Amino acid sequence: MRLKDKVALVAGGGRGIGRDIVLAYAREGVHVVVNDIDPATAEATAKDAATLGSKSLPVVADVANLRTSTGSSIRSSRSAGASTS
């Protein structure tokens, strides 16, 4: 597995195609940061990814407004031990 233990951030990962991508990554051993504007869907998808063995982190942010969301995403990723470089 080339992706095992890599980290991915999936914007819009709480539902639809984004959720499918999160779960596909989790099945491959990727640790996933689940970004969504809706806290409930971000949390639910992160929990589902965790059941597949992924370390997952829900991050609630509106990526359309980078001024407010980038800083919170980086802080959340660092607190979870993910690399931001």
PDB file of N, CA and C in Angstrom:
ATOM      1  N   MET A   1       0.827  -1.195   0.000  1.00  0.00           N
ATOM      2  CA  MET A   1       0.000   0.000   0.000  1.00  0.00           C
ATOM      3  C   MET A   1       0.865   1.249   0.000  1.00  0.00           C
ATOM      4  N   ARG A   2       0.800   1.981  -1.063  1.00  0.00           N
ATOM      5  CA  ARG A   2       1.605   3.198  -1.156  1.00  0.00           C
ATOM      6  C   ARG A   2       1.049   4.339  -0.321  1.00  0.00           C
ATOM      7  N   LEU A   3      -0.218   4.275   0.033  1.00  0.00           N
ATOM      8  CA  LEU A   3      -0.848   5.382   0.762  1.00  0.00           C
ATOM      9  C   LEU A   3      -0.889   5.165   2.272  1.00  0.00           C
ATOM     10  N   LYS A   4      -0.550   3.989   2.752  1.00  0.00           N
ATOM     11  CA  LYS A   4      -0.648   3.694   4.175  1.00  0.00           C
ATOM     12  C   LYS A   4       0.140   4.712   5.000  1.00  0.00           C
ATOM     13  N   ASP A   5      -0.522   5.245   6.009  1.00  0.00           N
ATOM     14  CA  ASP A   5       0.039   6.219   6.948  1.00  0.00           C
ATOM     15  C   ASP A   5       0.326   7.599   6.351  1.00  0.00           C
ATOM     16  N   LYS A   6      -0.166   7.862   5.147  1.00  0.00           N
ATOM     17  CA  LYS A   6      -0.114   9.218   4.603  1.00  0.00           C
ATOM     18  C   LYS A   6      -1.288  10.000   5.188  1.00  0.00           C
ATOM     19  N   VAL A   7      -1.267  11.316   5.040  1.00  0.00           N
ATOM     20  CA  VAL A   7      -2.347  12.168   5.549  1.00  0.00           C
ATOM     21  C   VAL A   7      -2.973  12.912   4.375  1.00  0.00           C
ATOM     22  N   ALA A   8      -4.303  12.897   4.338  1.00  0.00           N
ATOM     23  CA  ALA A   8      -5.028  13.626   3.289  1.00  0.00           C
ATOM     24  C   ALA A   8      -6.062  14.532   3.929  1.00  0.00           C
ATOM     25  N   LEU A   9      -6.248  15.704   3.354  1.00  0.00           N
ATOM     26  CA  LEU A   9      -7.318  16.600   3.747  1.00  0.00           C
ATOM     27  C   LEU A   9      -8.335  16.591   2.619  1.00  0.00           C
ATOM     28  N   VAL A  10      -9.577  16.243   2.950  1.00  0.00           N
ATOM     29  CA  VAL A  10     -10.626  16.195   1.938  1.00  0.00           C
ATOM     30  C   VAL A  10     -11.633  17.298   2.231  1.00  0.00           C
ATOM     31  N   ALA A  11     -11.618  18.343   1.400  1.00  0.00           N
ATOM     32  CA  ALA A  11     -12.584  19.430   1.536  1.00  0.00           C
ATOM     33  C   ALA A  11     -13.940  18.935   1.049  1.00  0.00           C
ATOM     34  N   GLY A  12     -14.977  19.239   1.790  1.00  0.00           N
ATOM     35  CA  GLY A  12     -16.304  18.749   1.442  1.00  0.00           C
ATOM     36  C   GLY A  12     -16.450  17.271   1.743  1.00  0.00           C
ATOM     37  N   GLY A  13     -15.664  16.786   2.697  1.00  0.00           N
ATOM     38  CA  GLY A  13     -15.622  15.359   2.994  1.00  0.00           C
ATOM     39  C   GLY A  13     -16.765  14.827   3.832  1.00  0.00           C
ATOM     40  N   GLY A  14     -17.680  15.669   4.218  1.00  0.00           N
ATOM     41  CA  GLY A  14     -18.760  15.227   5.089  1.00  0.00           C
ATOM     42  C   GLY A  14     -19.877  14.491   4.397  1.00  0.00           C
ATOM     43  N   ARG A  15     -20.017  14.676   3.099  1.00  0.00           N
ATOM     44  CA  ARG A  15     -21.151  14.048   2.389  1.00  0.00           C
ATOM     45  C   ARG A  15     -20.826  13.865   0.917  1.00  0.00           C
ATOM     46  N   GLY A  16     -21.661  13.089   0.254  1.00  0.00           N
ATOM     47  CA  GLY A  16     -21.555  12.913  -1.192  1.00  0.00           C
ATOM     48  C   GLY A  16     -20.238  12.305  -1.637  1.00  0.00           C
ATOM     49  N   ILE A  17     -19.731  12.832  -2.746  1.00  0.00           N
ATOM     50  CA  ILE A  17     -18.481  12.317  -3.322  1.00  0.00           C
ATOM     51  C   ILE A  17     -17.320  12.507  -2.349  1.00  0.00           C
ATOM     52  N   GLY A  18     -17.298  13.634  -1.643  1.00  0.00           N
ATOM     53  CA  GLY A  18     -16.234  13.871  -0.658  1.00  0.00           C
ATOM     54  C   GLY A  18     -16.197  12.791   0.407  1.00  0.00           C
ATOM     55  N   ARG A  19     -17.367  12.396   0.893  1.00  0.00           N
ATOM     56  CA  ARG A  19     -17.447  11.323   1.891  1.00  0.00           C
ATOM     57  C   ARG A  19     -16.936  10.017   1.315  1.00  0.00           C
ATOM     58  N   ASP A  20     -17.308   9.725   0.079  1.00  0.00           N
ATOM     59  CA  ASP A  20     -16.828   8.508  -0.576  1.00  0.00           C
ATOM     60  C   ASP A  20     -15.306   8.510  -0.702  1.00  0.00           C
ATOM     61  N   ILE A  21     -14.734   9.660  -0.999  1.00  0.00           N
ATOM     62  CA  ILE A  21     -13.276   9.780  -1.094  1.00  0.00           C
ATOM     63  C   ILE A  21     -12.634   9.535   0.263  1.00  0.00           C
ATOM     64  N   VAL A  22     -13.194  10.139   1.317  1.00  0.00           N
ATOM     65  CA  VAL A  22     -12.669   9.934   2.673  1.00  0.00           C
ATOM     66  C   VAL A  22     -12.648   8.447   3.007  1.00  0.00           C
ATOM     67  N   LEU A  23     -13.750   7.768   2.765  1.00  0.00           N
ATOM     68  CA  LEU A  23     -13.848   6.349   3.125  1.00  0.00           C
ATOM     69  C   LEU A  23     -12.922   5.485   2.262  1.00  0.00           C
ATOM     70  N   ALA A  24     -12.756   5.843   0.993  1.00  0.00           N
ATOM     71  CA  ALA A  24     -11.822   5.109   0.130  1.00  0.00           C
ATOM     72  C   ALA A  24     -10.393   5.273   0.632  1.00  0.00           C
ATOM     73  N   TYR A  25     -10.026   6.482   0.991  1.00  0.00           N
ATOM     74  CA  TYR A  25      -8.695   6.715   1.562  1.00  0.00           C
ATOM     75  C   TYR A  25      -8.523   5.927   2.858  1.00  0.00           C
ATOM     76  N   ALA A  26      -9.516   5.953   3.711  1.00  0.00           N
ATOM     77  CA  ALA A  26      -9.428   5.252   4.991  1.00  0.00           C
ATOM     78  C   ALA A  26      -9.206   3.754   4.777  1.00  0.00           C
ATOM     79  N   ARG A  27      -9.879   3.185   3.796  1.00  0.00           N
ATOM     80  CA  ARG A  27      -9.693   1.757   3.486  1.00  0.00           C
ATOM     81  C   ARG A  27      -8.259   1.448   3.059  1.00  0.00           C
ATOM     82  N   GLU A  28      -7.580   2.441   2.492  1.00  0.00           N
ATOM     83  CA  GLU A  28      -6.196   2.269   2.044  1.00  0.00           C
ATOM     84  C   GLU A  28      -5.177   2.610   3.133  1.00  0.00           C
ATOM     85  N   GLY A  29      -5.646   2.943   4.328  1.00  0.00           N
ATOM     86  CA  GLY A  29      -4.738   3.223   5.435  1.00  0.00           C
ATOM     87  C   GLY A  29      -4.318   4.673   5.570  1.00  0.00           C
ATOM     88  N   VAL A  30      -4.988   5.560   4.847  1.00  0.00           N
ATOM     89  CA  VAL A  30      -4.678   6.991   4.921  1.00  0.00           C
ATOM     90  C   VAL A  30      -5.349   7.588   6.149  1.00  0.00           C
ATOM     91  N   HIS A  31      -4.657   8.489   6.833  1.00  0.00           N
ATOM     92  CA  HIS A  31      -5.238   9.246   7.935  1.00  0.00           C
ATOM     93  C   HIS A  31      -5.869  10.486   7.310  1.00  0.00           C
ATOM     94  N   VAL A  32      -7.143  10.720   7.622  1.00  0.00           N
ATOM     95  CA  VAL A  32      -7.905  11.710   6.871  1.00  0.00           C
ATOM     96  C   VAL A  32      -8.389  12.859   7.750  1.00  0.00           C
ATOM     97  N   VAL A  33      -8.167  14.083   7.271  1.00  0.00           N
ATOM     98  CA  VAL A  33      -8.758  15.274   7.853  1.00  0.00           C
ATOM     99  C   VAL A  33     -10.025  15.524   7.050  1.00  0.00           C
ATOM    100  N   VAL A  34     -11.163  15.415   7.725  1.00  0.00           N
ATOM    101  CA  VAL A  34     -12.465  15.556   7.063  1.00  0.00           C
ATOM    102  C   VAL A  34     -12.947  16.989   7.244  1.00  0.00           C
ATOM    103  N   ASN A  35     -12.864  17.768   6.176  1.00  0.00           N
ATOM    104  CA  ASN A  35     -13.313  19.153   6.226  1.00  0.00           C
ATOM    105  C   ASN A  35     -14.726  19.251   5.679  1.00  0.00           C
ATOM    106  N   ASP A  36     -15.585  19.942   6.422  1.00  0.00           N
ATOM    107  CA  ASP A  36     -16.928  20.224   5.940  1.00  0.00           C
ATOM    108  C   ASP A  36     -17.451  21.448   6.667  1.00  0.00           C
ATOM    109  N   ILE A  37     -18.384  22.119   6.062  1.00  0.00           N
ATOM    110  CA  ILE A  37     -18.991  23.295   6.679  1.00  0.00           C
ATOM    111  C   ILE A  37     -20.000  22.895   7.755  1.00  0.00           C
ATOM    112  N   ASP A  38     -20.491  21.653   7.674  1.00  0.00           N
ATOM    113  CA  ASP A  38     -21.495  21.135   8.613  1.00  0.00           C
ATOM    114  C   ASP A  38     -20.814  20.265   9.669  1.00  0.00           C
ATOM    115  N   PRO A  39     -20.821  20.681  10.929  1.00  0.00           N
ATOM    116  CA  PRO A  39     -20.146  19.915  11.977  1.00  0.00           C
ATOM    117  C   PRO A  39     -20.653  18.485  12.113  1.00  0.00           C
ATOM    118  N   ALA A  40     -21.948  18.278  11.953  1.00  0.00           N
ATOM    119  CA  ALA A  40     -22.507  16.934  12.141  1.00  0.00           C
ATOM    120  C   ALA A  40     -22.009  15.964  11.077  1.00  0.00           C
ATOM    121  N   THR A  41     -21.968  16.399   9.830  1.00  0.00           N
ATOM    122  CA  THR A  41     -21.514  15.489   8.776  1.00  0.00           C
ATOM    123  C   THR A  41     -20.010  15.259   8.833  1.00  0.00           C
ATOM    124  N   ALA A  42     -19.244  16.292   9.190  1.00  0.00           N
ATOM    125  CA  ALA A  42     -17.794  16.124   9.333  1.00  0.00           C
ATOM    126  C   ALA A  42     -17.494  15.102  10.418  1.00  0.00           C
ATOM    127  N   GLU A  43     -18.168  15.229  11.548  1.00  0.00           N
ATOM    128  CA  GLU A  43     -17.960  14.306  12.676  1.00  0.00           C
ATOM    129  C   GLU A  43     -18.392  12.889  12.308  1.00  0.00           C
ATOM    130  N   ALA A  44     -19.549  12.741  11.693  1.00  0.00           N
ATOM    131  CA  ALA A  44     -20.050  11.410  11.339  1.00  0.00           C
ATOM    132  C   ALA A  44     -19.113  10.705  10.356  1.00  0.00           C
ATOM    133  N   THR A  45     -18.631  11.428   9.359  1.00  0.00           N
ATOM    134  CA  THR A  45     -17.735  10.827   8.378  1.00  0.00           C
ATOM    135  C   THR A  45     -16.396  10.468   9.014  1.00  0.00           C
ATOM    136  N   ALA A  46     -15.894  11.330   9.888  1.00  0.00           N
ATOM    137  CA  ALA A  46     -14.636  11.026  10.580  1.00  0.00           C
ATOM    138  C   ALA A  46     -14.784   9.761  11.430  1.00  0.00           C
ATOM    139  N   LYS A  47     -15.919   9.603  12.091  1.00  0.00           N
ATOM    140  CA  LYS A  47     -16.158   8.388  12.884  1.00  0.00           C
ATOM    141  C   LYS A  47     -16.217   7.155  11.991  1.00  0.00           C
ATOM    142  N   ASP A  48     -16.884   7.280  10.840  1.00  0.00           N
ATOM    143  CA  ASP A  48     -16.955   6.153   9.905  1.00  0.00           C
ATOM    144  C   ASP A  48     -15.563   5.780   9.394  1.00  0.00           C
ATOM    145  N   ALA A  49     -14.743   6.777   9.112  1.00  0.00           N
ATOM    146  CA  ALA A  49     -13.375   6.510   8.660  1.00  0.00           C
ATOM    147  C   ALA A  49     -12.570   5.823   9.763  1.00  0.00           C
ATOM    148  N   ALA A  50     -12.792   6.229  10.996  1.00  0.00           N
ATOM    149  CA  ALA A  50     -12.077   5.622  12.119  1.00  0.00           C
ATOM    150  C   ALA A  50     -12.422   4.142  12.266  1.00  0.00           C
ATOM    151  N   THR A  51     -13.659   3.769  11.953  1.00  0.00           N
ATOM    152  CA  THR A  51     -14.029   2.356  12.049  1.00  0.00           C
ATOM    153  C   THR A  51     -13.294   1.519  11.009  1.00  0.00           C
ATOM    154  N   LEU A  52     -12.761   2.164   9.978  1.00  0.00           N
ATOM    155  CA  LEU A  52     -11.988   1.465   8.952  1.00  0.00           C
ATOM    156  C   LEU A  52     -10.494   1.452   9.280  1.00  0.00           C
ATOM    157  N   GLY A  53     -10.133   1.981  10.450  1.00  0.00           N
ATOM    158  CA  GLY A  53      -8.742   1.956  10.887  1.00  0.00           C
ATOM    159  C   GLY A  53      -7.980   3.244  10.664  1.00  0.00           C
ATOM    160  N   SER A  54      -8.626   4.251  10.140  1.00  0.00           N
ATOM    161  CA  SER A  54      -7.980   5.528   9.869  1.00  0.00           C
ATOM    162  C   SER A  54      -7.973   6.398  11.120  1.00  0.00           C
ATOM    163  N   LYS A  55      -6.879   7.117  11.331  1.00  0.00           N
ATOM    164  CA  LYS A  55      -6.916   8.201  12.311  1.00  0.00           C
ATOM    165  C   LYS A  55      -7.582   9.343  11.555  1.00  0.00           C
ATOM    166  N   SER A  56      -8.684   9.807  12.053  1.00  0.00           N
ATOM    167  CA  SER A  56      -9.405  10.836  11.319  1.00  0.00           C
ATOM    168  C   SER A  56      -9.717  12.006  12.225  1.00  0.00           C
ATOM    169  N   LEU A  57      -9.852  13.160  11.605  1.00  0.00           N
ATOM    170  CA  LEU A  57     -10.084  14.393  12.341  1.00  0.00           C
ATOM    171  C   LEU A  57     -11.108  15.230  11.596  1.00  0.00           C
ATOM    172  N   PRO A  58     -12.249  15.529  12.225  1.00  0.00           N
ATOM    173  CA  PRO A  58     -13.194  16.436  11.586  1.00  0.00           C
ATOM    174  C   PRO A  58     -12.753  17.888  11.780  1.00  0.00           C
ATOM    175  N   VAL A  59     -12.779  18.661  10.722  1.00  0.00           N
ATOM    176  CA  VAL A  59     -12.442  20.082  10.798  1.00  0.00           C
ATOM    177  C   VAL A  59     -13.572  20.862  10.133  1.00  0.00           C
ATOM    178  N   VAL A  60     -14.231  21.673  10.927  1.00  0.00           N
ATOM    179  CA  VAL A  60     -15.341  22.471  10.414  1.00  0.00           C
ATOM    180  C   VAL A  60     -14.782  23.798   9.922  1.00  0.00           C
ATOM    181  N   ALA A  61     -14.907  24.026   8.620  1.00  0.00           N
ATOM    182  CA  ALA A  61     -14.407  25.266   8.031  1.00  0.00           C
ATOM    183  C   ALA A  61     -15.052  25.464   6.675  1.00  0.00           C
ATOM    184  N   ASP A  62     -15.196  26.714   6.307  1.00  0.00           N
ATOM    185  CA  ASP A  62     -15.721  27.073   4.997  1.00  0.00           C
ATOM    186  C   ASP A  62     -14.530  27.409   4.106  1.00  0.00           C
ATOM    187  N   VAL A  63     -14.127  26.481   3.248  1.00  0.00           N
ATOM    188  CA  VAL A  63     -12.942  26.718   2.428  1.00  0.00           C
ATOM    189  C   VAL A  63     -13.165  27.793   1.375  1.00  0.00           C
ATOM    190  N   ALA A  64     -14.410  28.186   1.162  1.00  0.00           N
ATOM    191  CA  ALA A  64     -14.680  29.299   0.258  1.00  0.00           C
ATOM    192  C   ALA A  64     -14.238  30.619   0.881  1.00  0.00           C
ATOM    193  N   ASN A  65     -14.075  30.630   2.198  1.00  0.00           N
ATOM    194  CA  ASN A  65     -13.626  31.818   2.907  1.00  0.00           C
ATOM    195  C   ASN A  65     -12.302  31.482   3.591  1.00  0.00           C
ATOM    196  N   LEU A  66     -11.217  31.486   2.824  1.00  0.00           N
ATOM    197  CA  LEU A  66      -9.919  31.060   3.336  1.00  0.00           C
ATOM    198  C   LEU A  66      -9.377  31.946   4.444  1.00  0.00           C
ATOM    199  N   ARG A  67      -9.786  33.179   4.492  1.00  0.00           N
ATOM    200  CA  ARG A  67      -9.288  34.072   5.533  1.00  0.00           C
ATOM    201  C   ARG A  67      -9.605  33.512   6.914  1.00  0.00           C
ATOM    202  N   THR A  68     -10.768  32.932   7.094  1.00  0.00           N
ATOM    203  CA  THR A  68     -11.140  32.406   8.405  1.00  0.00           C
ATOM    204  C   THR A  68     -10.855  30.925   8.558  1.00  0.00           C
ATOM    205  N   SER A  69     -10.869  30.159   7.483  1.00  0.00           N
ATOM    206  CA  SER A  69     -10.777  28.711   7.639  1.00  0.00           C
ATOM    207  C   SER A  69      -9.358  28.165   7.652  1.00  0.00           C
ATOM    208  N   THR A  70      -8.415  28.796   6.976  1.00  0.00           N
ATOM    209  CA  THR A  70      -7.073  28.236   6.880  1.00  0.00           C
ATOM    210  C   THR A  70      -6.401  28.138   8.239  1.00  0.00           C
ATOM    211  N   GLY A  71      -6.470  29.174   9.011  1.00  0.00           N
ATOM    212  CA  GLY A  71      -5.826  29.159  10.327  1.00  0.00           C
ATOM    213  C   GLY A  71      -6.404  28.104  11.238  1.00  0.00           C
ATOM    214  N   SER A  72      -7.720  27.953  11.257  1.00  0.00           N
ATOM    215  CA  SER A  72      -8.318  26.955  12.129  1.00  0.00           C
ATOM    216  C   SER A  72      -7.976  25.551  11.665  1.00  0.00           C
ATOM    217  N   SER A  73      -7.887  25.327  10.359  1.00  0.00           N
ATOM    218  CA  SER A  73      -7.534  24.003   9.846  1.00  0.00           C
ATOM    219  C   SER A  73      -6.111  23.637  10.221  1.00  0.00           C
ATOM    220  N   ILE A  74      -5.210  24.584  10.090  1.00  0.00           N
ATOM    221  CA  ILE A  74      -3.817  24.307  10.438  1.00  0.00           C
ATOM    222  C   ILE A  74      -3.689  24.030  11.927  1.00  0.00           C
ATOM    223  N   ARG A  75      -4.357  24.824  12.754  1.00  0.00           N
ATOM    224  CA  ARG A  75      -4.294  24.575  14.202  1.00  0.00           C
ATOM    225  C   ARG A  75      -4.856  23.209  14.543  1.00  0.00           C
ATOM    226  N   SER A  76      -5.980  22.826  13.944  1.00  0.00           N
ATOM    227  CA  SER A  76      -6.586  21.528  14.211  1.00  0.00           C
ATOM    228  C   SER A  76      -5.680  20.402  13.756  1.00  0.00           C
ATOM    229  N   SER A  77      -5.058  20.536  12.595  1.00  0.00           N
ATOM    230  CA  SER A  77      -4.169  19.503  12.087  1.00  0.00           C
ATOM    231  C   SER A  77      -2.960  19.335  12.983  1.00  0.00           C
ATOM    232  N   ARG A  78      -2.414  20.424  13.448  1.00  0.00           N
ATOM    233  CA  ARG A  78      -1.246  20.340  14.337  1.00  0.00           C
ATOM    234  C   ARG A  78      -1.617  19.680  15.663  1.00  0.00           C
ATOM    235  N   SER A  79      -2.782  19.988  16.195  1.00  0.00           N
ATOM    236  CA  SER A  79      -3.175  19.387  17.468  1.00  0.00           C
ATOM    237  C   SER A  79      -3.405  17.895  17.331  1.00  0.00           C
ATOM    238  N   ALA A  80      -3.695  17.430  16.104  1.00  0.00           N
ATOM    239  CA  ALA A  80      -3.907  16.005  15.855  1.00  0.00           C
ATOM    240  C   ALA A  80      -2.610  15.307  15.475  1.00  0.00           C
ATOM    241  N   GLY A  81      -1.539  16.065  15.347  1.00  0.00           N
ATOM    242  CA  GLY A  81      -0.253  15.477  15.013  1.00  0.00           C
ATOM    243  C   GLY A  81       0.027  15.372  13.527  1.00  0.00           C
ATOM    244  N   ALA A  82      -0.811  15.978  12.695  1.00  0.00           N
ATOM    245  CA  ALA A  82      -0.600  15.929  11.245  1.00  0.00           C
ATOM    246  C   ALA A  82       0.432  16.972  10.835  1.00  0.00           C
ATOM    247  N   SER A  83       1.198  16.666   9.818  1.00  0.00           N
ATOM    248  CA  SER A  83       2.176  17.608   9.292  1.00  0.00           C
ATOM    249  C   SER A  83       1.487  18.630   8.397  1.00  0.00           C
ATOM    250  N   THR A  84       1.867  19.888   8.531  1.00  0.00           N
ATOM    251  CA  THR A  84       1.264  20.939   7.698  1.00  0.00           C
ATOM    252  C   THR A  84       2.264  21.490   6.697  1.00  0.00           C
ATOM    253  N   SER A  85       3.410  20.855   6.550  1.00  0.00           N
ATOM    254  CA  SER A  85       4.393  21.374   5.605  1.00  0.00           C
ATOM    255  C   SER A  85       4.472  20.550   4.346  1.00  0.00           C
TER     256      SER A  85
END
